[in-house]
Amino acid sequence: MRPEVANRLTMTRSTVSARHKPSSEDLYAWVWVFPSQDGTFRVSMVEIPKNLIDEDECFSEEDISRIHIATVGKLSEVDEVVSNIGVDPNDFDAPWKNDFPL
């Protein structure tokens, strides 16, 4: 994980995300890491239908598929978890840099 991403997670306690291969060609997918108040890091994946994003449609929770991957206590564990699902830890960045739909 790049130092600026690690700092974002630990110092500003902000979310980071990276694109991920979706389960279907009709979807976009991201893996995101969220620093919890208890000091752990939640790693999850979201998938959203492409047409909603491509056509700039409004969408709600019902349109989003959320998959909890892991909750870990250390940044090194984040790297291991995301690597195991096929995401390069160096791909993580601020959500707006990879179009993560907050």
N, C-alpha and C. Protein backbone atom coordinates (compact mmCIF):
# COMPACT_ATOMS: atom_id res chain seq x y z
N MET A 1 0.86 -1.17 0.00
CA MET A 1 0.00 0.00 0.00
C MET A 1 0.91 1.24 0.00
N ARG A 2 0.54 2.18 -0.84
CA ARG A 2 1.32 3.41 -0.92
C ARG A 2 1.20 4.20 0.39
N PRO A 3 2.26 4.91 0.78
CA PRO A 3 2.23 5.66 2.05
C PRO A 3 1.08 6.65 2.16
N GLU A 4 0.75 7.35 1.06
CA GLU A 4 -0.34 8.33 1.15
C GLU A 4 -1.69 7.66 1.40
N VAL A 5 -1.85 6.43 0.94
CA VAL A 5 -3.09 5.69 1.19
C VAL A 5 -3.12 5.22 2.64
N ALA A 6 -2.00 4.71 3.12
CA ALA A 6 -1.91 4.30 4.53
C ALA A 6 -2.18 5.49 5.44
N ASN A 7 -1.64 6.64 5.09
CA ASN A 7 -1.89 7.85 5.89
C ASN A 7 -3.36 8.24 5.86
N ARG A 8 -3.98 8.11 4.71
CA ARG A 8 -5.41 8.44 4.61
C ARG A 8 -6.23 7.55 5.55
N LEU A 9 -5.88 6.28 5.61
CA LEU A 9 -6.61 5.35 6.48
C LEU A 9 -6.32 5.57 7.96
N THR A 10 -5.08 5.88 8.29
CA THR A 10 -4.71 5.96 9.70
C THR A 10 -4.75 7.36 10.28
N MET A 11 -4.36 8.36 9.51
CA MET A 11 -4.29 9.72 10.06
C MET A 11 -5.60 10.48 9.91
N THR A 12 -6.18 10.45 8.72
CA THR A 12 -7.44 11.17 8.52
C THR A 12 -8.64 10.27 8.71
N ARG A 13 -8.38 8.95 8.88
CA ARG A 13 -9.45 7.96 9.10
C ARG A 13 -10.49 8.04 7.98
N SER A 14 -10.01 8.08 6.74
CA SER A 14 -10.88 8.21 5.58
C SER A 14 -10.86 6.94 4.74
N THR A 15 -11.92 6.74 4.00
CA THR A 15 -12.09 5.58 3.14
C THR A 15 -11.18 5.65 1.92
N VAL A 16 -10.73 4.48 1.48
CA VAL A 16 -10.02 4.34 0.21
C VAL A 16 -10.73 3.27 -0.61
N SER A 17 -10.55 3.33 -1.93
CA SER A 17 -11.21 2.35 -2.79
C SER A 17 -10.35 2.06 -4.01
N ALA A 18 -10.71 0.96 -4.68
CA ALA A 18 -10.04 0.56 -5.91
C ALA A 18 -11.04 -0.21 -6.76
N ARG A 19 -10.90 -0.08 -8.06
CA ARG A 19 -11.76 -0.85 -8.97
C ARG A 19 -11.47 -2.33 -8.80
N HIS A 20 -12.48 -3.14 -9.06
CA HIS A 20 -12.36 -4.59 -8.97
C HIS A 20 -13.13 -5.20 -10.12
N LYS A 21 -12.77 -6.39 -10.50
CA LYS A 21 -13.49 -7.08 -11.56
C LYS A 21 -14.87 -7.47 -11.04
N PRO A 22 -15.94 -7.06 -11.74
CA PRO A 22 -17.30 -7.39 -11.27
C PRO A 22 -17.66 -8.84 -11.55
N SER A 23 -18.71 -9.29 -10.91
CA SER A 23 -19.18 -10.67 -11.10
C SER A 23 -19.93 -10.84 -12.41
N SER A 24 -20.30 -9.72 -13.05
CA SER A 24 -21.05 -9.74 -14.30
C SER A 24 -20.61 -8.55 -15.15
N GLU A 25 -20.71 -8.69 -16.46
CA GLU A 25 -20.35 -7.60 -17.37
C GLU A 25 -21.29 -6.41 -17.26
N ASP A 26 -22.45 -6.60 -16.65
CA ASP A 26 -23.44 -5.54 -16.50
C ASP A 26 -23.22 -4.68 -15.25
N LEU A 27 -22.15 -4.94 -14.54
CA LEU A 27 -21.91 -4.28 -13.26
C LEU A 27 -20.55 -3.58 -13.24
N TYR A 28 -20.44 -2.59 -12.36
CA TYR A 28 -19.15 -2.04 -11.97
C TYR A 28 -18.91 -2.49 -10.54
N ALA A 29 -17.64 -2.68 -10.18
CA ALA A 29 -17.32 -3.14 -8.83
C ALA A 29 -16.12 -2.38 -8.28
N TRP A 30 -16.17 -2.16 -6.98
CA TRP A 30 -15.07 -1.54 -6.24
C TRP A 30 -14.87 -2.31 -4.95
N VAL A 31 -13.63 -2.36 -4.51
CA VAL A 31 -13.31 -2.81 -3.16
C VAL A 31 -12.97 -1.54 -2.40
N TRP A 32 -13.46 -1.44 -1.19
CA TRP A 32 -13.19 -0.26 -0.39
C TRP A 32 -12.78 -0.67 1.01
N VAL A 33 -11.99 0.19 1.62
CA VAL A 33 -11.52 -0.05 2.98
C VAL A 33 -11.97 1.14 3.82
N PHE A 34 -12.63 0.81 4.92
CA PHE A 34 -13.20 1.83 5.80
C PHE A 34 -12.59 1.68 7.19
N PRO A 35 -11.93 2.71 7.72
CA PRO A 35 -11.40 2.62 9.08
C PRO A 35 -12.52 2.80 10.11
N SER A 36 -12.71 1.79 10.93
CA SER A 36 -13.76 1.83 11.95
C SER A 36 -13.28 2.59 13.19
N GLN A 37 -14.23 3.01 14.00
CA GLN A 37 -13.90 3.77 15.21
C GLN A 37 -13.12 2.93 16.22
N ASP A 38 -13.26 1.61 16.16
CA ASP A 38 -12.56 0.76 17.12
C ASP A 38 -11.12 0.45 16.71
N GLY A 39 -10.65 1.07 15.61
CA GLY A 39 -9.27 0.87 15.17
C GLY A 39 -9.09 -0.23 14.13
N THR A 40 -10.16 -0.95 13.83
CA THR A 40 -10.08 -2.00 12.80
C THR A 40 -10.38 -1.39 11.43
N PHE A 41 -10.18 -2.19 10.40
CA PHE A 41 -10.44 -1.78 9.03
C PHE A 41 -11.40 -2.77 8.39
N ARG A 42 -12.51 -2.26 7.89
CA ARG A 42 -13.49 -3.11 7.19
C ARG A 42 -13.16 -3.10 5.70
N VAL A 43 -13.11 -4.27 5.13
CA VAL A 43 -12.86 -4.42 3.69
C VAL A 43 -14.14 -5.00 3.09
N SER A 44 -14.68 -4.30 2.11
CA SER A 44 -15.93 -4.71 1.48
C SER A 44 -15.86 -4.49 -0.03
N MET A 45 -16.80 -5.10 -0.73
CA MET A 45 -16.92 -4.87 -2.16
C MET A 45 -18.34 -4.41 -2.45
N VAL A 46 -18.47 -3.51 -3.39
CA VAL A 46 -19.79 -3.09 -3.85
C VAL A 46 -19.86 -3.30 -5.35
N GLU A 47 -21.05 -3.68 -5.81
CA GLU A 47 -21.32 -3.80 -7.24
C GLU A 47 -22.59 -3.03 -7.54
N ILE A 48 -22.55 -2.28 -8.64
CA ILE A 48 -23.68 -1.44 -9.04
C ILE A 48 -23.90 -1.62 -10.53
N PRO A 49 -25.15 -1.73 -10.98
CA PRO A 49 -25.41 -1.86 -12.41
C PRO A 49 -24.78 -0.72 -13.21
N LYS A 50 -24.11 -1.10 -14.29
CA LYS A 50 -23.44 -0.11 -15.14
C LYS A 50 -24.39 0.98 -15.65
N ASN A 51 -25.59 0.56 -16.05
CA ASN A 51 -26.50 1.54 -16.65
C ASN A 51 -26.84 2.67 -15.69
N LEU A 52 -26.91 2.40 -14.40
CA LEU A 52 -27.22 3.45 -13.43
C LEU A 52 -26.10 4.48 -13.35
N ILE A 53 -24.89 4.01 -13.44
CA ILE A 53 -23.75 4.93 -13.37
C ILE A 53 -23.51 5.60 -14.71
N ASP A 54 -23.53 4.82 -15.79
CA ASP A 54 -23.26 5.37 -17.12
C ASP A 54 -24.28 6.42 -17.55
N GLU A 55 -25.53 6.23 -17.12
CA GLU A 55 -26.59 7.15 -17.50
C GLU A 55 -26.86 8.19 -16.41
N ASP A 56 -25.98 8.24 -15.41
CA ASP A 56 -26.07 9.20 -14.33
C ASP A 56 -27.44 9.17 -13.65
N GLU A 57 -27.95 7.96 -13.46
CA GLU A 57 -29.24 7.76 -12.81
C GLU A 57 -29.08 7.82 -11.29
N CYS A 58 -30.12 8.21 -10.63
CA CYS A 58 -30.15 8.11 -9.18
C CYS A 58 -30.32 6.64 -8.81
N PHE A 59 -29.63 6.22 -7.77
CA PHE A 59 -29.81 4.85 -7.31
C PHE A 59 -29.80 4.84 -5.80
N SER A 60 -30.31 3.74 -5.24
CA SER A 60 -30.45 3.64 -3.79
C SER A 60 -29.79 2.36 -3.30
N GLU A 61 -29.90 2.13 -2.01
CA GLU A 61 -29.32 0.94 -1.39
C GLU A 61 -29.79 -0.35 -2.06
N GLU A 62 -31.03 -0.36 -2.53
CA GLU A 62 -31.57 -1.57 -3.16
C GLU A 62 -30.84 -1.93 -4.44
N ASP A 63 -30.21 -0.95 -5.07
CA ASP A 63 -29.49 -1.17 -6.32
C ASP A 63 -28.05 -1.62 -6.11
N ILE A 64 -27.56 -1.54 -4.88
CA ILE A 64 -26.16 -1.82 -4.57
C ILE A 64 -26.04 -3.18 -3.92
N SER A 65 -25.13 -3.98 -4.45
CA SER A 65 -24.80 -5.25 -3.82
C SER A 65 -23.56 -5.03 -2.96
N ARG A 66 -23.67 -5.30 -1.67
CA ARG A 66 -22.54 -5.12 -0.75
C ARG A 66 -22.11 -6.48 -0.22
N ILE A 67 -20.81 -6.70 -0.28
CA ILE A 67 -20.24 -7.97 0.19
C ILE A 67 -19.15 -7.65 1.19
N HIS A 68 -19.36 -8.05 2.44
CA HIS A 68 -18.33 -7.85 3.47
C HIS A 68 -17.27 -8.92 3.24
N ILE A 69 -16.02 -8.49 3.10
CA ILE A 69 -14.93 -9.43 2.85
C ILE A 69 -14.21 -9.78 4.14
N ALA A 70 -13.84 -8.77 4.93
CA ALA A 70 -13.11 -9.03 6.17
C ALA A 70 -13.07 -7.78 7.03
N THR A 71 -12.82 -7.99 8.30
CA THR A 71 -12.48 -6.92 9.23
C THR A 71 -11.14 -7.31 9.82
N VAL A 72 -10.16 -6.40 9.69
CA VAL A 72 -8.80 -6.70 10.13
C VAL A 72 -8.30 -5.60 11.06
N GLY A 73 -7.24 -5.90 11.79
CA GLY A 73 -6.72 -4.96 12.76
C GLY A 73 -5.50 -4.18 12.33
N LYS A 74 -4.83 -4.62 11.24
CA LYS A 74 -3.59 -3.97 10.82
C LYS A 74 -3.62 -3.69 9.32
N LEU A 75 -2.90 -2.65 8.92
CA LEU A 75 -2.82 -2.32 7.49
C LEU A 75 -2.18 -3.44 6.69
N SER A 76 -1.20 -4.13 7.27
CA SER A 76 -0.58 -5.24 6.55
C SER A 76 -1.60 -6.34 6.26
N GLU A 77 -2.58 -6.49 7.13
CA GLU A 77 -3.63 -7.47 6.91
C GLU A 77 -4.56 -7.02 5.79
N VAL A 78 -4.78 -5.71 5.67
CA VAL A 78 -5.57 -5.19 4.56
C VAL A 78 -4.90 -5.59 3.25
N ASP A 79 -3.59 -5.35 3.16
CA ASP A 79 -2.85 -5.71 1.95
C ASP A 79 -3.02 -7.18 1.61
N GLU A 80 -2.93 -8.03 2.60
CA GLU A 80 -3.05 -9.48 2.38
C GLU A 80 -4.45 -9.85 1.90
N VAL A 81 -5.47 -9.31 2.55
CA VAL A 81 -6.85 -9.63 2.19
C VAL A 81 -7.17 -9.19 0.77
N VAL A 82 -6.82 -7.96 0.43
CA VAL A 82 -7.17 -7.47 -0.91
C VAL A 82 -6.35 -8.17 -2.00
N SER A 83 -5.11 -8.50 -1.69
CA SER A 83 -4.30 -9.25 -2.66
C SER A 83 -4.93 -10.61 -2.94
N ASN A 84 -5.47 -11.23 -1.89
CA ASN A 84 -6.09 -12.56 -2.05
C ASN A 84 -7.34 -12.53 -2.92
N ILE A 85 -7.98 -11.37 -3.05
CA ILE A 85 -9.17 -11.29 -3.91
C ILE A 85 -8.86 -10.66 -5.27
N GLY A 86 -7.56 -10.41 -5.52
CA GLY A 86 -7.17 -9.94 -6.83
C GLY A 86 -7.03 -8.45 -7.00
N VAL A 87 -6.92 -7.71 -5.90
CA VAL A 87 -6.73 -6.26 -5.98
C VAL A 87 -5.31 -5.93 -5.54
N ASP A 88 -4.63 -5.14 -6.34
CA ASP A 88 -3.29 -4.70 -5.97
C ASP A 88 -3.44 -3.61 -4.91
N PRO A 89 -2.85 -3.78 -3.73
CA PRO A 89 -2.97 -2.75 -2.69
C PRO A 89 -2.50 -1.37 -3.15
N ASN A 90 -1.63 -1.32 -4.13
CA ASN A 90 -1.15 -0.03 -4.64
C ASN A 90 -2.18 0.68 -5.51
N ASP A 91 -3.28 -0.02 -5.86
CA ASP A 91 -4.35 0.60 -6.64
C ASP A 91 -5.30 1.44 -5.80
N PHE A 92 -5.24 1.31 -4.48
CA PHE A 92 -6.14 2.07 -3.62
C PHE A 92 -5.82 3.55 -3.67
N ASP A 93 -6.88 4.35 -3.59
CA ASP A 93 -6.72 5.80 -3.62
C ASP A 93 -7.97 6.42 -3.02
N ALA A 94 -8.00 7.74 -2.99
CA ALA A 94 -9.19 8.45 -2.54
C ALA A 94 -10.35 8.07 -3.47
N PRO A 95 -11.55 7.89 -2.94
CA PRO A 95 -12.68 7.40 -3.75
C PRO A 95 -12.97 8.19 -5.02
N TRP A 96 -12.81 9.49 -5.00
CA TRP A 96 -13.13 10.28 -6.19
C TRP A 96 -12.13 10.05 -7.32
N LYS A 97 -11.00 9.44 -7.03
CA LYS A 97 -10.00 9.20 -8.08
C LYS A 97 -10.29 7.94 -8.88
N ASN A 98 -11.23 7.10 -8.44
CA ASN A 98 -11.60 5.91 -9.19
C ASN A 98 -13.12 5.78 -9.32
N ASP A 99 -13.80 6.91 -9.22
CA ASP A 99 -15.25 7.00 -9.43
C ASP A 99 -16.08 6.16 -8.47
N PHE A 100 -15.55 5.90 -7.28
CA PHE A 100 -16.31 5.14 -6.28
C PHE A 100 -17.55 5.95 -5.90
N PRO A 101 -18.73 5.36 -6.02
CA PRO A 101 -19.97 6.10 -5.73
C PRO A 101 -20.27 6.16 -4.23
N LEU A 102 -19.88 7.23 -3.61
CA LEU A 102 -20.10 7.37 -2.17
C LEU A 102 -21.57 7.51 -1.84
